[in-house]
Amino acid sequence: MKNNLSILLVTGIALCSASVAYARPDTRAMTCSQTRALIQSNHAVVLTTGANTYDRFVRQFGVECDWPEIPISISVPTRDGGCWVYRCGEPASNLFPN
């Protein structure tokens, strides 16, 4: 019984440690320049932007978006105000007339 409890305790600690390791960075806790630097250095990164919101942000010029998506500018909250970064999105249809 004591051995099973030890195994359960070790497993629980390992699972808690793993979940902390994969926590998303929060844009609200970073400055705009820190947020942009993180995106540039990783090419694409998932960031928390609010209490229950997150998104995947990408470099402006790169191949991180799947066709037909393109990098689209969006403002996210940061410690020093709003910050313009890019995420993948559908291009506006009126930009490419037939």
PDB file of N, CA and C in Angstrom:
ATOM      1  N   MET A   1       0.822  -1.196   0.000  1.00  0.00           N
ATOM      2  CA  MET A   1       0.000   0.000   0.000  1.00  0.00           C
ATOM      3  C   MET A   1       0.867   1.262   0.000  1.00  0.00           C
ATOM      4  N   LYS A   2       1.906   1.254   0.855  1.00  0.00           N
ATOM      5  CA  LYS A   2       2.788   2.407   0.942  1.00  0.00           C
ATOM      6  C   LYS A   2       3.536   2.625  -0.372  1.00  0.00           C
ATOM      7  N   ASN A   3       3.925   1.542  -1.048  1.00  0.00           N
ATOM      8  CA  ASN A   3       4.624   1.613  -2.323  1.00  0.00           C
ATOM      9  C   ASN A   3       3.715   2.227  -3.398  1.00  0.00           C
ATOM     10  N   ASN A   4       2.443   1.831  -3.418  1.00  0.00           N
ATOM     11  CA  ASN A   4       1.482   2.375  -4.375  1.00  0.00           C
ATOM     12  C   ASN A   4       1.262   3.866  -4.151  1.00  0.00           C
ATOM     13  N   LEU A   5       1.217   4.280  -2.890  1.00  0.00           N
ATOM     14  CA  LEU A   5       1.045   5.691  -2.568  1.00  0.00           C
ATOM     15  C   LEU A   5       2.249   6.507  -3.047  1.00  0.00           C
ATOM     16  N   SER A   6       3.446   5.961  -2.891  1.00  0.00           N
ATOM     17  CA  SER A   6       4.658   6.648  -3.356  1.00  0.00           C
ATOM     18  C   SER A   6       4.649   6.805  -4.871  1.00  0.00           C
ATOM     19  N   ILE A   7       4.239   5.742  -5.572  1.00  0.00           N
ATOM     20  CA  ILE A   7       4.171   5.806  -7.030  1.00  0.00           C
ATOM     21  C   ILE A   7       3.146   6.841  -7.468  1.00  0.00           C
ATOM     22  N   LEU A   8       2.007   6.871  -6.814  1.00  0.00           N
ATOM     23  CA  LEU A   8       0.958   7.839  -7.130  1.00  0.00           C
ATOM     24  C   LEU A   8       1.438   9.268  -6.876  1.00  0.00           C
ATOM     25  N   LEU A   9       2.142   9.480  -5.786  1.00  0.00           N
ATOM     26  CA  LEU A   9       2.659  10.810  -5.457  1.00  0.00           C
ATOM     27  C   LEU A   9       3.689  11.269  -6.488  1.00  0.00           C
ATOM     28  N   VAL A  10       4.605  10.399  -6.865  1.00  0.00           N
ATOM     29  CA  VAL A  10       5.630  10.740  -7.858  1.00  0.00           C
ATOM     30  C   VAL A  10       4.987  11.034  -9.210  1.00  0.00           C
ATOM     31  N   THR A  11       4.001  10.230  -9.595  1.00  0.00           N
ATOM     32  CA  THR A  11       3.293  10.448 -10.859  1.00  0.00           C
ATOM     33  C   THR A  11       2.571  11.789 -10.850  1.00  0.00           C
ATOM     34  N   GLY A  12       1.928  12.113  -9.748  1.00  0.00           N
ATOM     35  CA  GLY A  12       1.226  13.392  -9.631  1.00  0.00           C
ATOM     36  C   GLY A  12       2.161  14.577  -9.744  1.00  0.00           C
ATOM     37  N   ILE A  13       3.304  14.491  -9.106  1.00  0.00           N
ATOM     38  CA  ILE A  13       4.298  15.572  -9.179  1.00  0.00           C
ATOM     39  C   ILE A  13       4.821  15.717 -10.604  1.00  0.00           C
ATOM     40  N   ALA A  14       5.066  14.605 -11.275  1.00  0.00           N
ATOM     41  CA  ALA A  14       5.558  14.650 -12.653  1.00  0.00           C
ATOM     42  C   ALA A  14       4.527  15.289 -13.576  1.00  0.00           C
ATOM     43  N   LEU A  15       3.271  14.945 -13.401  1.00  0.00           N
ATOM     44  CA  LEU A  15       2.220  15.533 -14.241  1.00  0.00           C
ATOM     45  C   LEU A  15       2.077  17.033 -13.995  1.00  0.00           C
ATOM     46  N   CYS A  16       2.157  17.439 -12.744  1.00  0.00           N
ATOM     47  CA  CYS A  16       2.072  18.875 -12.435  1.00  0.00           C
ATOM     48  C   CYS A  16       3.251  19.626 -13.028  1.00  0.00           C
ATOM     49  N   SER A  17       4.436  19.044 -12.947  1.00  0.00           N
ATOM     50  CA  SER A  17       5.625  19.684 -13.513  1.00  0.00           C
ATOM     51  C   SER A  17       5.510  19.819 -15.018  1.00  0.00           C
ATOM     52  N   ALA A  18       4.965  18.804 -15.672  1.00  0.00           N
ATOM     53  CA  ALA A  18       4.821  18.839 -17.130  1.00  0.00           C
ATOM     54  C   ALA A  18       3.837  19.917 -17.551  1.00  0.00           C
ATOM     55  N   SER A  19       2.751  20.100 -16.815  1.00  0.00           N
ATOM     56  CA  SER A  19       1.767  21.120 -17.202  1.00  0.00           C
ATOM     57  C   SER A  19       2.321  22.517 -17.024  1.00  0.00           C
ATOM     58  N   VAL A  20       3.147  22.739 -16.027  1.00  0.00           N
ATOM     59  CA  VAL A  20       3.762  24.045 -15.828  1.00  0.00           C
ATOM     60  C   VAL A  20       4.760  24.342 -16.942  1.00  0.00           C
ATOM     61  N   ALA A  21       5.453  23.340 -17.422  1.00  0.00           N
ATOM     62  CA  ALA A  21       6.460  23.531 -18.460  1.00  0.00           C
ATOM     63  C   ALA A  21       5.848  23.990 -19.774  1.00  0.00           C
ATOM     64  N   TYR A  22       4.595  23.665 -20.014  1.00  0.00           N
ATOM     65  CA  TYR A  22       3.956  24.012 -21.270  1.00  0.00           C
ATOM     66  C   TYR A  22       3.023  25.208 -21.161  1.00  0.00           C
ATOM     67  N   ALA A  23       3.148  25.995 -20.121  1.00  0.00           N
ATOM     68  CA  ALA A  23       2.314  27.181 -19.980  1.00  0.00           C
ATOM     69  C   ALA A  23       2.648  28.169 -21.098  1.00  0.00           C
ATOM     70  N   ARG A  24       1.609  28.773 -21.684  1.00  0.00           N
ATOM     71  CA  ARG A  24       1.817  29.747 -22.760  1.00  0.00           C
ATOM     72  C   ARG A  24       2.270  31.077 -22.172  1.00  0.00           C
ATOM     73  N   PRO A  25       3.216  31.752 -22.832  1.00  0.00           N
ATOM     74  CA  PRO A  25       3.574  33.103 -22.403  1.00  0.00           C
ATOM     75  C   PRO A  25       2.362  34.030 -22.546  1.00  0.00           C
ATOM     76  N   ASP A  26       2.225  34.977 -21.662  1.00  0.00           N
ATOM     77  CA  ASP A  26       1.098  35.905 -21.645  1.00  0.00           C
ATOM     78  C   ASP A  26       1.564  37.266 -22.147  1.00  0.00           C
ATOM     79  N   THR A  27       0.940  37.768 -23.208  1.00  0.00           N
ATOM     80  CA  THR A  27       1.332  39.063 -23.764  1.00  0.00           C
ATOM     81  C   THR A  27       1.127  40.180 -22.754  1.00  0.00           C
ATOM     82  N   ARG A  28       0.156  40.035 -21.860  1.00  0.00           N
ATOM     83  CA  ARG A  28      -0.138  41.093 -20.881  1.00  0.00           C
ATOM     84  C   ARG A  28       0.972  41.251 -19.855  1.00  0.00           C
ATOM     85  N   ALA A  29       1.833  40.240 -19.722  1.00  0.00           N
ATOM     86  CA  ALA A  29       2.942  40.295 -18.775  1.00  0.00           C
ATOM     87  C   ALA A  29       4.248  40.727 -19.439  1.00  0.00           C
ATOM     88  N   MET A  30       4.234  40.938 -20.757  1.00  0.00           N
ATOM     89  CA  MET A  30       5.433  41.316 -21.497  1.00  0.00           C
ATOM     90  C   MET A  30       5.260  42.703 -22.105  1.00  0.00           C
ATOM     91  N   THR A  31       6.375  43.339 -22.440  1.00  0.00           N
ATOM     92  CA  THR A  31       6.309  44.586 -23.190  1.00  0.00           C
ATOM     93  C   THR A  31       6.083  44.246 -24.661  1.00  0.00           C
ATOM     94  N   CYS A  32       5.770  45.244 -25.451  1.00  0.00           N
ATOM     95  CA  CYS A  32       5.560  45.046 -26.881  1.00  0.00           C
ATOM     96  C   CYS A  32       6.840  44.517 -27.529  1.00  0.00           C
ATOM     97  N   SER A  33       7.971  45.091 -27.186  1.00  0.00           N
ATOM     98  CA  SER A  33       9.225  44.640 -27.805  1.00  0.00           C
ATOM     99  C   SER A  33       9.568  43.210 -27.400  1.00  0.00           C
ATOM    100  N   GLN A  34       9.259  42.796 -26.173  1.00  0.00           N
ATOM    101  CA  GLN A  34       9.493  41.419 -25.751  1.00  0.00           C
ATOM    102  C   GLN A  34       8.582  40.461 -26.523  1.00  0.00           C
ATOM    103  N   THR A  35       7.331  40.865 -26.713  1.00  0.00           N
ATOM    104  CA  THR A  35       6.375  40.039 -27.447  1.00  0.00           C
ATOM    105  C   THR A  35       6.835  39.842 -28.889  1.00  0.00           C
ATOM    106  N   ARG A  36       7.210  40.934 -29.536  1.00  0.00           N
ATOM    107  CA  ARG A  36       7.669  40.845 -30.924  1.00  0.00           C
ATOM    108  C   ARG A  36       8.943  40.021 -31.045  1.00  0.00           C
ATOM    109  N   ALA A  37       9.869  40.188 -30.107  1.00  0.00           N
ATOM    110  CA  ALA A  37      11.129  39.430 -30.133  1.00  0.00           C
ATOM    111  C   ALA A  37      10.864  37.936 -29.965  1.00  0.00           C
ATOM    112  N   LEU A  38       9.921  37.571 -29.109  1.00  0.00           N
ATOM    113  CA  LEU A  38       9.576  36.165 -28.913  1.00  0.00           C
ATOM    114  C   LEU A  38       9.011  35.564 -30.195  1.00  0.00           C
ATOM    115  N   ILE A  39       8.146  36.301 -30.865  1.00  0.00           N
ATOM    116  CA  ILE A  39       7.564  35.824 -32.121  1.00  0.00           C
ATOM    117  C   ILE A  39       8.645  35.693 -33.187  1.00  0.00           C
ATOM    118  N   GLN A  40       9.493  36.692 -33.311  1.00  0.00           N
ATOM    119  CA  GLN A  40      10.555  36.661 -34.329  1.00  0.00           C
ATOM    120  C   GLN A  40      11.530  35.510 -34.093  1.00  0.00           C
ATOM    121  N   SER A  41      11.903  35.275 -32.852  1.00  0.00           N
ATOM    122  CA  SER A  41      12.895  34.236 -32.573  1.00  0.00           C
ATOM    123  C   SER A  41      12.330  32.824 -32.751  1.00  0.00           C
ATOM    124  N   ASN A  42      11.028  32.662 -32.569  1.00  0.00           N
ATOM    125  CA  ASN A  42      10.406  31.334 -32.708  1.00  0.00           C
ATOM    126  C   ASN A  42       9.684  31.144 -34.035  1.00  0.00           C
ATOM    127  N   HIS A  43       9.580  32.188 -34.838  1.00  0.00           N
ATOM    128  CA  HIS A  43       8.896  32.186 -36.139  1.00  0.00           C
ATOM    129  C   HIS A  43       7.383  32.109 -35.988  1.00  0.00           C
ATOM    130  N   ALA A  44       6.899  31.317 -35.048  1.00  0.00           N
ATOM    131  CA  ALA A  44       5.470  31.208 -34.748  1.00  0.00           C
ATOM    132  C   ALA A  44       5.347  30.741 -33.308  1.00  0.00           C
ATOM    133  N   VAL A  45       4.409  31.326 -32.556  1.00  0.00           N
ATOM    134  CA  VAL A  45       4.257  30.967 -31.147  1.00  0.00           C
ATOM    135  C   VAL A  45       2.813  31.196 -30.714  1.00  0.00           C
ATOM    136  N   VAL A  46       2.323  30.331 -29.834  1.00  0.00           N
ATOM    137  CA  VAL A  46       0.986  30.491 -29.269  1.00  0.00           C
ATOM    138  C   VAL A  46       1.132  31.292 -27.979  1.00  0.00           C
ATOM    139  N   LEU A  47       0.393  32.397 -27.898  1.00  0.00           N
ATOM    140  CA  LEU A  47       0.469  33.292 -26.746  1.00  0.00           C
ATOM    141  C   LEU A  47      -0.905  33.507 -26.130  1.00  0.00           C
ATOM    142  N   THR A  48      -0.946  33.618 -24.813  1.00  0.00           N
ATOM    143  CA  THR A  48      -2.165  33.992 -24.112  1.00  0.00           C
ATOM    144  C   THR A  48      -2.334  35.497 -24.272  1.00  0.00           C
ATOM    145  N   THR A  49      -3.559  35.917 -24.577  1.00  0.00           N
ATOM    146  CA  THR A  49      -3.835  37.348 -24.773  1.00  0.00           C
ATOM    147  C   THR A  49      -4.879  37.884 -23.802  1.00  0.00           C
ATOM    148  N   GLY A  50      -5.496  37.023 -23.034  1.00  0.00           N
ATOM    149  CA  GLY A  50      -6.521  37.433 -22.079  1.00  0.00           C
ATOM    150  C   GLY A  50      -6.819  36.298 -21.120  1.00  0.00           C
ATOM    151  N   ALA A  51      -7.799  36.506 -20.261  1.00  0.00           N
ATOM    152  CA  ALA A  51      -8.132  35.503 -19.246  1.00  0.00           C
ATOM    153  C   ALA A  51      -8.472  34.152 -19.871  1.00  0.00           C
ATOM    154  N   ASN A  52      -9.204  34.159 -20.964  1.00  0.00           N
ATOM    155  CA  ASN A  52      -9.614  32.910 -21.616  1.00  0.00           C
ATOM    156  C   ASN A  52      -9.332  32.916 -23.106  1.00  0.00           C
ATOM    157  N   THR A  53      -8.349  33.700 -23.548  1.00  0.00           N
ATOM    158  CA  THR A  53      -8.071  33.806 -24.974  1.00  0.00           C
ATOM    159  C   THR A  53      -6.591  33.571 -25.269  1.00  0.00           C
ATOM    160  N   TYR A  54      -6.349  33.004 -26.441  1.00  0.00           N
ATOM    161  CA  TYR A  54      -4.991  32.789 -26.929  1.00  0.00           C
ATOM    162  C   TYR A  54      -5.060  32.705 -28.440  1.00  0.00           C
ATOM    163  N   ASP A  55      -3.902  32.841 -29.088  1.00  0.00           N
ATOM    164  CA  ASP A  55      -3.848  32.730 -30.538  1.00  0.00           C
ATOM    165  C   ASP A  55      -2.419  32.383 -30.938  1.00  0.00           C
ATOM    166  N   ARG A  56      -2.265  32.014 -32.184  1.00  0.00           N
ATOM    167  CA  ARG A  56      -0.942  31.692 -32.742  1.00  0.00           C
ATOM    168  C   ARG A  56      -0.481  32.895 -33.548  1.00  0.00           C
ATOM    169  N   PHE A  57       0.675  33.412 -33.208  1.00  0.00           N
ATOM    170  CA  PHE A  57       1.218  34.598 -33.864  1.00  0.00           C
ATOM    171  C   PHE A  57       2.463  34.220 -34.654  1.00  0.00           C
ATOM    172  N   VAL A  58       2.677  34.922 -35.772  1.00  0.00           N
ATOM    173  CA  VAL A  58       3.748  34.573 -36.707  1.00  0.00           C
ATOM    174  C   VAL A  58       4.549  35.812 -37.089  1.00  0.00           C
ATOM    175  N   ARG A  59       5.712  35.558 -37.727  1.00  0.00           N
ATOM    176  CA  ARG A  59       6.504  36.660 -38.289  1.00  0.00           C
ATOM    177  C   ARG A  59       5.742  37.255 -39.465  1.00  0.00           C
ATOM    178  N   GLN A  60       6.048  38.499 -39.808  1.00  0.00           N
ATOM    179  CA  GLN A  60       5.386  39.131 -40.952  1.00  0.00           C
ATOM    180  C   GLN A  60       5.802  38.463 -42.254  1.00  0.00           C
ATOM    181  N   PHE A  61       7.084  38.189 -42.407  1.00  0.00           N
ATOM    182  CA  PHE A  61       7.590  37.576 -43.625  1.00  0.00           C
ATOM    183  C   PHE A  61       8.125  36.196 -43.282  1.00  0.00           C
ATOM    184  N   GLY A  62       7.494  35.175 -43.810  1.00  0.00           N
ATOM    185  CA  GLY A  62       7.904  33.811 -43.532  1.00  0.00           C
ATOM    186  C   GLY A  62       6.914  32.846 -44.151  1.00  0.00           C
ATOM    187  N   VAL A  63       7.082  31.586 -43.851  1.00  0.00           N
ATOM    188  CA  VAL A  63       6.215  30.552 -44.423  1.00  0.00           C
ATOM    189  C   VAL A  63       5.408  29.849 -43.329  1.00  0.00           C
ATOM    190  N   GLU A  64       5.078  30.557 -42.266  1.00  0.00           N
ATOM    191  CA  GLU A  64       4.372  29.951 -41.140  1.00  0.00           C
ATOM    192  C   GLU A  64       2.872  29.786 -41.380  1.00  0.00           C
ATOM    193  N   CYS A  65       2.325  30.491 -42.371  1.00  0.00           N
ATOM    194  CA  CYS A  65       0.893  30.395 -42.674  1.00  0.00           C
ATOM    195  C   CYS A  65       0.662  29.393 -43.804  1.00  0.00           C
ATOM    196  N   ASP A  66      -0.404  28.613 -43.686  1.00  0.00           N
ATOM    197  CA  ASP A  66      -0.782  27.684 -44.747  1.00  0.00           C
ATOM    198  C   ASP A  66      -1.594  28.414 -45.806  1.00  0.00           C
ATOM    199  N   TRP A  67      -1.458  27.986 -47.056  1.00  0.00           N
ATOM    200  CA  TRP A  67      -2.216  28.559 -48.154  1.00  0.00           C
ATOM    201  C   TRP A  67      -3.703  28.359 -47.902  1.00  0.00           C
ATOM    202  N   PRO A  68      -4.560  29.299 -48.108  1.00  0.00           N
ATOM    203  CA  PRO A  68      -4.371  30.624 -48.689  1.00  0.00           C
ATOM    204  C   PRO A  68      -4.198  31.722 -47.644  1.00  0.00           C
ATOM    205  N   GLU A  69      -3.926  31.335 -46.395  1.00  0.00           N
ATOM    206  CA  GLU A  69      -3.784  32.341 -45.347  1.00  0.00           C
ATOM    207  C   GLU A  69      -2.507  33.150 -45.518  1.00  0.00           C
ATOM    208  N   ILE A  70      -2.554  34.375 -44.988  1.00  0.00           N
ATOM    209  CA  ILE A  70      -1.410  35.288 -45.016  1.00  0.00           C
ATOM    210  C   ILE A  70      -1.283  35.930 -43.644  1.00  0.00           C
ATOM    211  N   PRO A  71      -0.104  36.490 -43.309  1.00  0.00           N
ATOM    212  CA  PRO A  71       0.018  37.211 -42.046  1.00  0.00           C
ATOM    213  C   PRO A  71      -0.860  38.470 -42.051  1.00  0.00           C
ATOM    214  N   ILE A  72      -1.715  38.580 -41.049  1.00  0.00           N
ATOM    215  CA  ILE A  72      -2.621  39.725 -40.919  1.00  0.00           C
ATOM    216  C   ILE A  72      -2.311  40.424 -39.601  1.00  0.00           C
ATOM    217  N   SER A  73      -2.224  41.740 -39.636  1.00  0.00           N
ATOM    218  CA  SER A  73      -1.885  42.534 -38.461  1.00  0.00           C
ATOM    219  C   SER A  73      -3.046  42.569 -37.471  1.00  0.00           C
ATOM    220  N   ILE A  74      -2.711  42.406 -36.183  1.00  0.00           N
ATOM    221  CA  ILE A  74      -3.703  42.442 -35.112  1.00  0.00           C
ATOM    222  C   ILE A  74      -3.050  43.051 -33.879  1.00  0.00           C
ATOM    223  N   SER A  75      -3.818  43.756 -33.087  1.00  0.00           N
ATOM    224  CA  SER A  75      -3.313  44.358 -31.860  1.00  0.00           C
ATOM    225  C   SER A  75      -3.588  43.432 -30.679  1.00  0.00           C
ATOM    226  N   VAL A  76      -2.566  43.227 -29.844  1.00  0.00           N
ATOM    227  CA  VAL A  76      -2.722  42.426 -28.627  1.00  0.00           C
ATOM    228  C   VAL A  76      -2.354  43.292 -27.428  1.00  0.00           C
ATOM    229  N   PRO A  77      -2.942  43.001 -26.271  1.00  0.00           N
ATOM    230  CA  PRO A  77      -2.590  43.780 -25.073  1.00  0.00           C
ATOM    231  C   PRO A  77      -1.221  43.381 -24.543  1.00  0.00           C
ATOM    232  N   THR A  78      -0.407  44.374 -24.221  1.00  0.00           N
ATOM    233  CA  THR A  78       0.887  44.125 -23.587  1.00  0.00           C
ATOM    234  C   THR A  78       0.999  45.024 -22.366  1.00  0.00           C
ATOM    235  N   ARG A  79       2.061  44.831 -21.600  1.00  0.00           N
ATOM    236  CA  ARG A  79       2.267  45.597 -20.367  1.00  0.00           C
ATOM    237  C   ARG A  79       2.347  47.099 -20.631  1.00  0.00           C
ATOM    238  N   ASP A  80       2.850  47.472 -21.807  1.00  0.00           N
ATOM    239  CA  ASP A  80       3.002  48.893 -22.125  1.00  0.00           C
ATOM    240  C   ASP A  80       1.984  49.381 -23.159  1.00  0.00           C
ATOM    241  N   GLY A  81       0.846  48.710 -23.268  1.00  0.00           N
ATOM    242  CA  GLY A  81      -0.215  49.151 -24.184  1.00  0.00           C
ATOM    243  C   GLY A  81      -0.464  48.137 -25.286  1.00  0.00           C
ATOM    244  N   GLY A  82      -1.185  48.557 -26.308  1.00  0.00           N
ATOM    245  CA  GLY A  82      -1.466  47.679 -27.442  1.00  0.00           C
ATOM    246  C   GLY A  82      -0.226  47.475 -28.293  1.00  0.00           C
ATOM    247  N   CYS A  83      -0.125  46.309 -28.888  1.00  0.00           N
ATOM    248  CA  CYS A  83       1.051  45.970 -29.688  1.00  0.00           C
ATOM    249  C   CYS A  83       0.586  45.292 -30.972  1.00  0.00           C
ATOM    250  N   TRP A  84       1.044  45.773 -32.111  1.00  0.00           N
ATOM    251  CA  TRP A  84       0.665  45.205 -33.401  1.00  0.00           C
ATOM    252  C   TRP A  84       1.591  44.055 -33.745  1.00  0.00           C
ATOM    253  N   VAL A  85       0.996  42.877 -33.923  1.00  0.00           N
ATOM    254  CA  VAL A  85       1.719  41.669 -34.308  1.00  0.00           C
ATOM    255  C   VAL A  85       0.927  40.998 -35.440  1.00  0.00           C
ATOM    256  N   TYR A  86       1.371  39.841 -35.887  1.00  0.00           N
ATOM    257  CA  TYR A  86       0.720  39.170 -37.013  1.00  0.00           C
ATOM    258  C   TYR A  86       0.232  37.782 -36.619  1.00  0.00           C
ATOM    259  N   ARG A  87      -0.905  37.407 -37.187  1.00  0.00           N
ATOM    260  CA  ARG A  87      -1.427  36.052 -37.075  1.00  0.00           C
ATOM    261  C   ARG A  87      -1.904  35.638 -38.461  1.00  0.00           C
ATOM    262  N   CYS A  88      -2.056  34.365 -38.694  1.00  0.00           N
ATOM    263  CA  CYS A  88      -2.504  33.881 -40.000  1.00  0.00           C
ATOM    264  C   CYS A  88      -4.008  34.097 -40.141  1.00  0.00           C
ATOM    265  N   GLY A  89      -4.397  34.546 -41.315  1.00  0.00           N
ATOM    266  CA  GLY A  89      -5.814  34.752 -41.588  1.00  0.00           C
ATOM    267  C   GLY A  89      -6.086  34.780 -43.071  1.00  0.00           C
ATOM    268  N   GLU A  90      -7.356  34.643 -43.414  1.00  0.00           N
ATOM    269  CA  GLU A  90      -7.774  34.678 -44.826  1.00  0.00           C
ATOM    270  C   GLU A  90      -7.619  36.105 -45.357  1.00  0.00           C
ATOM    271  N   PRO A  91      -7.080  36.272 -46.548  1.00  0.00           N
ATOM    272  CA  PRO A  91      -6.986  37.608 -47.137  1.00  0.00           C
ATOM    273  C   PRO A  91      -8.388  38.109 -47.492  1.00  0.00           C
ATOM    274  N   ALA A  92      -8.565  39.425 -47.444  1.00  0.00           N
ATOM    275  CA  ALA A  92      -9.852  40.007 -47.842  1.00  0.00           C
ATOM    276  C   ALA A  92     -10.081  39.729 -49.333  1.00  0.00           C
ATOM    277  N   SER A  93     -11.264  39.297 -49.686  1.00  0.00           N
ATOM    278  CA  SER A  93     -11.541  38.906 -51.072  1.00  0.00           C
ATOM    279  C   SER A  93     -11.463  40.073 -52.033  1.00  0.00           C
ATOM    280  N   ASN A  94     -11.704  41.304 -51.534  1.00  0.00           N
ATOM    281  CA  ASN A  94     -11.662  42.466 -52.435  1.00  0.00           C
ATOM    282  C   ASN A  94     -10.233  42.900 -52.767  1.00  0.00           C
ATOM    283  N   LEU A  95      -9.229  42.296 -52.118  1.00  0.00           N
ATOM    284  CA  LEU A  95      -7.825  42.612 -52.439  1.00  0.00           C
ATOM    285  C   LEU A  95      -7.366  41.932 -53.721  1.00  0.00           C
ATOM    286  N   PHE A  96      -8.031  40.841 -54.062  1.00  0.00           N
ATOM    287  CA  PHE A  96      -7.643  40.064 -55.238  1.00  0.00           C
ATOM    288  C   PHE A  96      -8.833  39.918 -56.177  1.00  0.00           C
ATOM    289  N   PRO A  97      -9.092  40.953 -57.004  1.00  0.00           N
ATOM    290  CA  PRO A  97     -10.246  40.866 -57.905  1.00  0.00           C
ATOM    291  C   PRO A  97     -10.032  39.792 -58.974  1.00  0.00           C
ATOM    292  N   ASN A  98     -11.131  39.253 -59.475  1.00  0.00           N
ATOM    293  CA  ASN A  98     -11.059  38.204 -60.501  1.00  0.00           C
ATOM    294  C   ASN A  98     -10.713  38.771 -61.845  1.00  0.00           C
TER     295      ASN A  98
END
